[in-house]
Amino acid sequence: MTARILVVDDEPDLEVLIVQKFRRQIRDGAVIFLFAHDGVDALSVIDGNSDIDMVLCDINMPRMDGLSLLEKLQQAEGQQLSTVIVSAYGDMANIRTAMNRGAFDFITKPIDFADLETTIAKTLKHREVLHEAHRRQAVAERAHASLSRYFSPNLAERLAGDADGLALAGRWREVASLFTDITSFTTLVETIDPATLGALLNDYLAGMTDVVFAHEGTVAKIVGDALHVLFGAPGDQQDHAARAVACALELDGLSQSFRDSWRDKGVTVGTTRIGVHAGPALVGNFGGGRFFDYTAYGDTINIAARLESANKQLGTRICVSGSAAARVDGFRGRPVGDLMLRGRAEALRAFEPLSSKQYDDPSTASYLEAFGRLEAGDANALTAFAAQIGKCPDDQLASFHLKRLLNGAKGTRISLD
């Protein structure tokens, strides 16, 4: 790489002398020298040459001296030139002033060209180190900006400084997968104007991702209104299932408030359905070197997506697998039943998670009693669910079970469409 050095000196013979002393380096393309006769000329040359690497500068010059030039260069925004003062004025006051104004080194006249060559090499090496540091900082800042779209800010900051952590093509990890989707969103898209839709969607996704990031989740994908969120990736989280369930409950609360606020504006937004499952998944940065797609694959991901969809038939808003619930200390929720999900031969126990307040409500105890009768094959299960609906007419899950029983179904195994 060719170094570009600006020499600022009013001595007419210095240009010829430098070109002669460095003729071999100039001939080999290792260095290019530019010349200015005072500080004013130097600023003009610098303005027209953004790729100058260093400045060799005299102190005593007409119009603008070297110390004034140093001050100008230090004040220039984005200017990172390394400057070496070359002057016959080698007293300590000048040296201190030059160093305080950002000079990298100081050489006295008459010039010892062997010392000058060594100083230039040292200065250029220092410049190279600075360039690399700035390059790394810029890469880290770009990575942080990109990662902040997917990960919580503190996790993005850690990952931005760990390129190896994102270079993984794929790795099996224990994760909790969470999916969300708004009911009848396609119909909504077709019935409101684009400006309103844009504001609504931005408002919704901003709120939802803020909640996800608060629980240190990773937004693996956003498709329209739907989110796919991971816990336990890319960084290990021993409590990934607990984070996912807590996040699901908070997302549910936010989505309900969101619906209320937009209803007041005359826009009816569908219910947000949420599915959560925990287990192994292949997680990594897929798509090759040209495209960043941090995502996950495997049965764990598919089950979480199907649990989200199952809410529509069950009448619930959140559906959590027994696998995820079992990993949460003190899990609170209502059993939904044993779901026969599409593509699976075995039934999957599912739960509707509840907040502490909801779980302590007397209606939860009466639902649990009715479900217990259903699980035991007790014929009085139908009466128990009917009583539950009598006390809680809005209990959609109890209504789902009552309809099943009225249609002749038995037990907790539920076949979904």
Protein backbone atom coordinates (compact mmCIF):
# COMPACT_ATOMS: atom_id res chain seq x y z
CA MET A 1 0.00 0.00 0.00
CA THR A 2 1.32 3.45 -0.94
CA ALA A 3 1.73 5.98 1.90
CA ARG A 4 0.82 9.60 1.10
CA ILE A 5 2.82 12.16 3.08
CA LEU A 6 2.25 15.92 3.07
CA VAL A 7 5.39 18.03 3.69
CA VAL A 8 4.62 21.56 4.90
CA ASP A 9 7.71 23.82 4.85
CA ASP A 10 8.61 27.21 3.33
CA GLU A 11 12.23 26.22 2.55
CA PRO A 12 12.41 25.95 -1.28
CA ASP A 13 15.26 23.40 -1.26
CA LEU A 14 13.54 20.91 1.08
CA GLU A 15 11.25 19.51 -1.62
CA VAL A 16 14.21 18.65 -3.88
CA LEU A 17 16.14 17.18 -0.95
CA ILE A 18 13.29 14.92 0.19
CA VAL A 19 12.57 13.68 -3.34
CA GLN A 20 16.28 12.86 -3.71
CA LYS A 21 16.66 11.11 -0.34
CA PHE A 22 13.47 9.03 -0.84
CA ARG A 23 13.82 8.46 -4.58
CA ARG A 24 13.98 4.64 -4.20
CA GLN A 25 10.78 4.50 -2.09
CA ILE A 26 9.05 6.88 -4.51
CA ARG A 27 10.17 4.81 -7.52
CA ASP A 28 8.92 1.58 -5.88
CA GLY A 29 5.54 3.15 -5.16
CA ALA A 30 5.94 2.82 -1.40
CA VAL A 31 5.42 6.54 -0.79
CA ILE A 32 4.06 9.65 -2.49
CA PHE A 33 5.07 13.10 -1.21
CA LEU A 34 2.82 16.16 -1.51
CA PHE A 35 4.16 19.63 -0.72
CA ALA A 36 2.77 22.87 0.73
CA HIS A 37 4.61 26.07 1.64
CA ASP A 38 2.63 27.10 4.72
CA GLY A 39 -0.41 26.17 6.82
CA VAL A 40 -2.91 27.79 4.47
CA ASP A 41 -1.56 25.82 1.48
CA ALA A 42 -1.56 22.67 3.63
CA LEU A 43 -5.25 22.96 4.49
CA SER A 44 -6.04 23.40 0.80
CA VAL A 45 -4.03 20.29 -0.13
CA ILE A 46 -5.69 18.29 2.65
CA ASP A 47 -9.16 19.37 1.48
CA GLY A 48 -8.37 18.02 -1.99
CA ASN A 49 -6.71 14.79 -0.82
CA SER A 50 -8.70 12.79 1.70
CA ASP A 51 -6.23 9.89 1.62
CA ILE A 52 -3.21 11.64 3.18
CA ASP A 53 -1.64 9.43 5.85
CA MET A 54 0.69 11.82 7.69
CA VAL A 55 2.02 15.38 7.76
CA LEU A 56 5.63 16.57 8.16
CA CYS A 57 5.35 20.16 9.26
CA ASP A 58 7.71 23.07 10.00
CA ILE A 59 6.83 25.57 12.76
CA ASN A 60 8.02 28.94 11.47
CA MET A 61 6.14 29.69 8.21
CA PRO A 62 4.32 32.71 6.70
CA ARG A 63 0.53 33.21 6.80
CA MET A 64 -0.07 30.19 9.10
CA ASP A 65 2.65 28.58 11.25
CA GLY A 66 2.91 24.89 12.07
CA LEU A 67 1.49 25.15 15.57
CA SER A 68 -1.60 26.97 14.26
CA LEU A 69 -1.97 24.29 11.56
CA LEU A 70 -1.82 21.61 14.24
CA GLU A 71 -4.62 23.35 16.11
CA LYS A 72 -6.74 23.53 12.92
CA LEU A 73 -6.17 19.85 12.21
CA GLN A 74 -7.12 18.90 15.77
CA GLN A 75 -10.37 20.87 15.49
CA ALA A 76 -11.28 19.42 12.08
CA GLU A 77 -14.19 16.99 12.45
CA GLY A 78 -13.31 13.47 11.32
CA GLN A 79 -9.65 14.41 10.69
CA GLN A 80 -7.24 11.73 11.94
CA LEU A 81 -3.90 12.76 10.42
CA SER A 82 -0.68 11.86 12.25
CA THR A 83 1.59 14.91 12.31
CA VAL A 84 5.36 15.06 12.90
CA ILE A 85 6.84 18.51 13.59
CA VAL A 86 10.17 19.15 11.82
CA SER A 87 11.73 22.42 13.02
CA ALA A 88 14.91 24.20 14.06
CA TYR A 89 12.92 25.54 17.00
CA GLY A 90 13.52 22.58 19.29
CA ASP A 91 13.00 24.30 22.63
CA MET A 92 10.82 22.57 25.22
CA ALA A 93 8.02 25.16 24.99
CA ASN A 94 7.51 24.48 21.28
CA ILE A 95 7.73 20.73 21.80
CA ARG A 96 5.10 20.83 24.58
CA THR A 97 2.80 23.07 22.55
CA ALA A 98 3.10 20.78 19.52
CA MET A 99 2.39 17.65 21.58
CA ASN A 100 -0.58 19.29 23.33
CA ARG A 101 -2.02 20.12 19.91
CA GLY A 102 -1.84 16.51 18.74
CA ALA A 103 1.65 16.11 17.22
CA PHE A 104 2.75 12.47 17.07
CA ASP A 105 6.50 13.19 17.17
CA PHE A 106 9.09 16.01 16.90
CA ILE A 107 12.29 16.14 14.81
CA THR A 108 14.81 19.00 14.91
CA LYS A 109 16.66 20.60 12.01
CA PRO A 110 19.08 20.09 10.40
CA ILE A 111 17.28 16.90 9.46
CA ASP A 112 18.92 13.54 10.09
CA PHE A 113 17.34 11.66 7.18
CA ALA A 114 18.04 8.24 8.70
CA ASP A 115 16.14 9.37 11.81
CA LEU A 116 13.40 10.89 9.60
CA GLU A 117 12.98 7.61 7.71
CA THR A 118 12.66 5.70 11.01
CA THR A 119 10.17 8.27 12.34
CA ILE A 120 8.07 8.07 9.17
CA ALA A 121 7.96 4.25 9.40
CA LYS A 122 6.97 4.44 13.07
CA THR A 123 4.29 7.07 12.36
CA LEU A 124 2.80 5.08 9.47
CA LYS A 125 2.72 1.97 11.65
CA HIS A 126 0.88 3.93 14.32
CA ARG A 127 -1.50 5.19 11.62
CA GLU A 128 -2.11 1.62 10.48
CA VAL A 129 -2.93 0.53 14.03
CA LEU A 130 -5.38 3.45 14.36
CA HIS A 131 -7.01 2.56 11.03
CA GLU A 132 -7.50 -1.05 12.16
CA ALA A 133 -8.96 0.08 15.48
CA HIS A 134 -11.41 2.41 13.71
CA ARG A 135 -12.28 -0.32 11.20
CA ARG A 136 -13.04 -2.77 14.01
CA GLN A 137 -15.13 -0.15 15.78
CA ALA A 138 -17.10 0.55 12.60
CA VAL A 139 -17.68 -3.18 12.06
CA ALA A 140 -18.83 -3.57 15.65
CA GLU A 141 -21.18 -0.58 15.32
CA ARG A 142 -22.68 -1.96 12.11
CA ALA A 143 -23.04 -5.38 13.68
CA HIS A 144 -24.68 -3.86 16.75
CA ALA A 145 -27.12 -1.90 14.59
CA SER A 146 -28.03 -5.04 12.65
CA LEU A 147 -28.21 -7.31 15.68
CA SER A 148 -30.41 -4.86 17.60
CA ARG A 149 -33.22 -5.73 15.19
CA TYR A 150 -33.11 -9.34 16.37
CA PHE A 151 -31.75 -9.40 19.90
CA SER A 152 -32.24 -7.48 23.12
CA PRO A 153 -29.86 -4.48 23.28
CA ASN A 154 -27.54 -5.98 25.91
CA LEU A 155 -27.29 -9.28 24.03
CA ALA A 156 -26.71 -7.46 20.73
CA GLU A 157 -23.85 -5.53 22.32
CA ARG A 158 -22.20 -8.76 23.49
CA LEU A 159 -22.62 -10.44 20.12
CA ALA A 160 -21.36 -7.42 18.16
CA GLY A 161 -17.97 -7.96 19.79
CA ASP A 162 -18.00 -11.71 19.13
CA ALA A 163 -17.96 -12.39 15.41
CA ASP A 164 -17.31 -16.09 16.02
CA GLY A 165 -20.61 -16.33 17.87
CA LEU A 166 -22.48 -15.45 14.67
CA ALA A 167 -20.32 -17.45 12.29
CA LEU A 168 -21.87 -20.73 13.37
CA ALA A 169 -23.62 -22.39 10.44
CA GLY A 170 -25.88 -24.31 12.81
CA ARG A 171 -25.83 -25.86 16.25
CA TRP A 172 -28.27 -27.97 18.24
CA ARG A 173 -29.41 -26.08 21.34
CA GLU A 174 -32.05 -26.45 24.00
CA VAL A 175 -34.44 -23.58 23.34
CA ALA A 176 -37.94 -22.34 23.94
CA SER A 177 -39.76 -21.31 20.77
CA LEU A 178 -42.61 -18.78 20.80
CA PHE A 179 -44.92 -17.89 17.90
CA THR A 180 -47.50 -15.11 17.71
CA ASP A 181 -50.15 -14.32 15.10
CA ILE A 182 -53.13 -11.96 14.88
CA THR A 183 -56.46 -13.59 14.05
CA SER A 184 -57.96 -12.45 10.71
CA PHE A 185 -55.09 -10.07 10.00
CA THR A 186 -55.38 -10.68 6.24
CA THR A 187 -58.99 -9.48 6.33
CA LEU A 188 -57.91 -6.39 8.27
CA VAL A 189 -55.26 -5.61 5.64
CA GLU A 190 -57.92 -5.65 2.94
CA THR A 191 -60.30 -3.31 4.76
CA ILE A 192 -58.19 -0.37 5.98
CA ASP A 193 -56.09 2.18 4.11
CA PRO A 194 -52.31 1.65 3.82
CA ALA A 195 -51.37 4.64 5.99
CA THR A 196 -53.51 3.41 8.89
CA LEU A 197 -52.25 -0.14 8.42
CA GLY A 198 -48.64 1.04 8.47
CA ALA A 199 -49.13 3.00 11.70
CA LEU A 200 -51.00 0.10 13.30
CA LEU A 201 -48.41 -2.50 12.36
CA ASN A 202 -45.47 -0.34 13.43
CA ASP A 203 -47.15 0.38 16.76
CA TYR A 204 -47.92 -3.30 17.32
CA LEU A 205 -44.49 -4.68 16.37
CA ALA A 206 -42.64 -2.00 18.34
CA GLY A 207 -44.59 -2.89 21.47
CA MET A 208 -44.27 -6.64 20.98
CA THR A 209 -40.53 -6.57 20.30
CA ASP A 210 -39.96 -4.30 23.30
CA VAL A 211 -41.59 -6.97 25.48
CA VAL A 212 -39.50 -9.72 23.86
CA PHE A 213 -36.29 -7.77 24.42
CA ALA A 214 -37.25 -7.05 28.03
CA HIS A 215 -37.27 -10.84 28.56
CA GLU A 216 -33.99 -11.13 26.58
CA GLY A 217 -35.59 -13.07 23.76
CA THR A 218 -34.35 -13.23 20.18
CA VAL A 219 -36.65 -12.19 17.34
CA ALA A 220 -35.81 -14.87 14.77
CA LYS A 221 -38.35 -13.73 12.22
CA ILE A 222 -41.15 -11.21 11.57
CA VAL A 223 -43.59 -12.03 8.77
CA GLY A 224 -46.33 -9.44 8.50
CA ASP A 225 -47.84 -9.32 11.98
CA ALA A 226 -46.40 -12.69 13.07
CA LEU A 227 -43.34 -13.07 15.28
CA HIS A 228 -41.09 -16.06 15.88
CA VAL A 229 -39.11 -15.65 19.09
CA LEU A 230 -36.36 -17.82 20.57
CA PHE A 231 -35.14 -18.12 24.13
CA GLY A 232 -31.89 -19.92 24.90
CA ALA A 233 -30.24 -18.74 21.67
CA PRO A 234 -27.81 -17.46 20.68
CA GLY A 235 -26.65 -17.21 24.30
CA ASP A 236 -27.37 -19.91 26.89
CA GLN A 237 -30.34 -19.22 29.18
CA GLN A 238 -30.93 -21.91 31.77
CA ASP A 239 -34.40 -20.47 32.41
CA HIS A 240 -35.35 -20.19 28.72
CA ALA A 241 -38.74 -21.87 29.20
CA ALA A 242 -39.64 -19.64 32.15
CA ARG A 243 -38.67 -16.57 30.14
CA ALA A 244 -40.81 -17.73 27.22
CA VAL A 245 -43.90 -18.32 29.38
CA ALA A 246 -43.48 -15.01 31.22
CA CYS A 247 -42.99 -13.25 27.89
CA ALA A 248 -46.11 -14.92 26.46
CA LEU A 249 -48.23 -13.66 29.34
CA GLU A 250 -46.90 -10.12 28.96
CA LEU A 251 -47.37 -10.20 25.18
CA ASP A 252 -50.95 -11.31 25.74
CA GLY A 253 -51.58 -8.38 28.09
CA LEU A 254 -50.00 -5.94 25.65
CA SER A 255 -51.98 -7.27 22.68
CA GLN A 256 -55.24 -6.93 24.61
CA SER A 257 -54.43 -3.31 25.49
CA PHE A 258 -53.42 -2.73 21.88
CA ARG A 259 -56.78 -4.02 20.64
CA ASP A 260 -58.62 -1.75 23.07
CA SER A 261 -56.65 1.34 22.01
CA TRP A 262 -57.25 0.74 18.30
CA ARG A 263 -60.91 -0.10 18.88
CA ASP A 264 -61.25 3.42 20.30
CA LYS A 265 -59.88 4.66 16.95
CA GLY A 266 -62.52 2.70 15.06
CA VAL A 267 -60.27 -0.21 14.00
CA THR A 268 -61.08 -3.76 15.11
CA VAL A 269 -57.93 -5.85 15.53
CA GLY A 270 -58.13 -9.62 15.96
CA THR A 271 -56.91 -11.55 18.98
CA THR A 272 -53.21 -12.35 19.17
CA ARG A 273 -52.62 -16.10 19.49
CA ILE A 274 -49.42 -17.39 21.10
CA GLY A 275 -47.81 -20.85 21.10
CA VAL A 276 -44.83 -21.95 23.22
CA HIS A 277 -42.80 -25.18 23.19
CA ALA A 278 -39.38 -26.13 24.57
CA GLY A 279 -36.87 -28.66 23.31
CA PRO A 280 -33.87 -29.13 20.98
CA ALA A 281 -33.57 -27.14 17.75
CA LEU A 282 -30.94 -26.49 15.10
CA VAL A 283 -30.08 -22.83 15.55
CA GLY A 284 -27.68 -20.65 13.61
CA ASN A 285 -26.95 -18.13 10.89
CA PHE A 286 -28.27 -19.70 7.69
CA GLY A 287 -28.33 -18.36 4.14
CA GLY A 288 -24.62 -18.22 3.28
CA GLY A 289 -22.28 -15.24 3.37
CA ARG A 290 -24.57 -12.86 1.45
CA PHE A 291 -27.67 -13.01 3.64
CA PHE A 292 -28.07 -12.81 7.42
CA ASP A 293 -30.87 -15.08 8.59
CA TYR A 294 -30.51 -16.13 12.20
CA THR A 295 -33.20 -18.75 12.69
CA ALA A 296 -34.03 -22.24 13.99
CA TYR A 297 -35.28 -25.51 12.57
CA GLY A 298 -36.66 -28.75 13.96
CA ASP A 299 -39.65 -30.39 15.60
CA THR A 300 -39.54 -27.98 18.54
CA ILE A 301 -40.13 -25.06 16.19
CA ASN A 302 -42.91 -26.81 14.29
CA ILE A 303 -44.77 -27.75 17.48
CA ALA A 304 -44.65 -24.18 18.81
CA ALA A 305 -46.13 -22.94 15.53
CA ARG A 306 -48.91 -25.55 15.66
CA LEU A 307 -49.72 -24.71 19.27
CA GLU A 308 -50.18 -21.09 18.23
CA SER A 309 -52.61 -22.23 15.55
CA ALA A 310 -54.40 -24.60 17.96
CA ASN A 311 -55.61 -21.64 20.02
CA LYS A 312 -58.14 -20.87 17.30
CA GLN A 313 -60.05 -24.13 17.88
CA LEU A 314 -59.48 -24.29 21.62
CA GLY A 315 -60.73 -20.77 22.31
CA THR A 316 -57.51 -19.89 24.15
CA ARG A 317 -55.04 -17.09 23.44
CA ILE A 318 -51.91 -18.85 24.75
CA CYS A 319 -51.10 -22.53 24.42
CA VAL A 320 -47.97 -23.91 26.14
CA SER A 321 -46.72 -27.47 25.76
CA GLY A 322 -46.30 -29.71 28.77
CA SER A 323 -42.60 -29.87 27.92
CA ALA A 324 -42.26 -26.11 28.36
CA ALA A 325 -44.51 -26.02 31.45
CA ALA A 326 -42.48 -28.78 33.14
CA ARG A 327 -39.33 -26.65 32.89
CA VAL A 328 -40.90 -23.69 34.70
CA ASP A 329 -40.62 -23.75 38.49
CA GLY A 330 -44.01 -23.05 40.03
CA PHE A 331 -45.79 -23.06 36.66
CA ARG A 332 -49.37 -21.85 36.94
CA GLY A 333 -51.89 -22.78 34.32
CA ARG A 334 -54.95 -24.75 33.29
CA PRO A 335 -54.56 -28.06 31.46
CA VAL A 336 -56.03 -27.88 27.96
CA GLY A 337 -55.86 -31.56 27.10
CA ASP A 338 -53.77 -33.99 25.08
CA LEU A 339 -53.55 -32.55 21.59
CA MET A 340 -53.11 -34.62 18.46
CA LEU A 341 -51.18 -32.14 16.34
CA ARG A 342 -50.85 -32.50 12.59
CA GLY A 343 -47.87 -34.65 11.66
CA ARG A 344 -47.45 -36.19 15.12
CA ALA A 345 -48.35 -39.74 16.13
CA GLU A 346 -48.32 -39.04 19.87
CA ALA A 347 -50.57 -36.74 21.84
CA LEU A 348 -49.04 -33.63 23.40
CA ARG A 349 -50.25 -32.32 26.76
CA ALA A 350 -50.90 -28.58 26.55
CA PHE A 351 -51.65 -25.88 29.10
CA GLU A 352 -53.09 -22.39 29.18
CA PRO A 353 -50.66 -20.37 31.36
CA LEU A 354 -52.15 -17.97 33.90
CA SER A 355 -50.92 -15.04 35.94
CA SER A 356 -50.85 -15.47 39.73
CA LYS A 357 -54.04 -13.41 40.02
CA GLN A 358 -55.85 -15.52 37.43
CA TYR A 359 -54.66 -18.77 38.97
CA ASP A 360 -55.87 -17.75 42.44
CA ASP A 361 -59.32 -16.85 41.12
CA PRO A 362 -62.01 -19.33 42.31
CA SER A 363 -63.02 -20.00 38.70
CA THR A 364 -59.65 -21.70 38.11
CA ALA A 365 -60.29 -24.17 40.90
CA SER A 366 -63.71 -25.05 39.48
CA TYR A 367 -62.21 -25.52 36.00
CA LEU A 368 -59.50 -27.79 37.43
CA GLU A 369 -62.17 -29.83 39.18
CA ALA A 370 -64.13 -30.21 35.91
CA PHE A 371 -60.99 -31.17 33.98
CA GLY A 372 -60.07 -33.68 36.67
CA ARG A 373 -63.46 -35.37 36.14
CA LEU A 374 -62.86 -35.37 32.38
CA GLU A 375 -59.43 -36.93 32.84
CA ALA A 376 -60.85 -39.61 35.14
CA GLY A 377 -63.64 -40.49 32.71
CA ASP A 378 -66.26 -39.30 35.19
CA ALA A 379 -69.69 -38.93 33.58
CA ASN A 380 -70.27 -35.83 35.72
CA ALA A 381 -67.59 -33.95 33.74
CA LEU A 382 -70.29 -32.56 31.43
CA THR A 383 -72.25 -31.19 34.37
CA ALA A 384 -69.07 -29.73 35.89
CA PHE A 385 -68.16 -27.85 32.70
CA ALA A 386 -71.76 -26.65 32.32
CA ALA A 387 -71.55 -25.27 35.86
CA GLN A 388 -68.25 -23.57 34.98
CA ILE A 389 -69.88 -21.86 31.98
CA GLY A 390 -72.76 -20.78 34.19
CA LYS A 391 -70.33 -18.99 36.50
CA CYS A 392 -67.94 -17.78 33.77
CA PRO A 393 -69.81 -17.32 30.45
CA ASP A 394 -66.64 -15.97 28.76
CA ASP A 395 -64.56 -19.07 29.56
CA GLN A 396 -63.86 -20.19 25.99
CA LEU A 397 -61.79 -23.23 26.97
CA ALA A 398 -64.55 -24.57 29.24
CA SER A 399 -67.03 -23.95 26.38
CA PHE A 400 -64.78 -25.94 24.05
CA HIS A 401 -64.82 -28.94 26.40
CA LEU A 402 -68.55 -28.69 26.99
CA LYS A 403 -69.23 -28.78 23.24
CA ARG A 404 -66.96 -31.81 22.89
CA LEU A 405 -68.81 -33.66 25.60
CA LEU A 406 -72.20 -32.71 24.18
CA ASN A 407 -71.03 -34.15 20.83
CA GLY A 408 -70.14 -37.46 22.46
CA ALA A 409 -66.40 -37.02 22.97
CA LYS A 410 -64.71 -38.53 26.03
CA GLY A 411 -61.40 -38.10 27.81
CA THR A 412 -58.70 -35.48 27.32
CA ARG A 413 -57.40 -36.50 23.88
CA ILE A 414 -58.26 -33.79 21.34
CA SER A 415 -57.93 -34.21 17.59
CA LEU A 416 -57.39 -30.87 15.87
CA ASP A 417 -58.24 -30.02 12.29
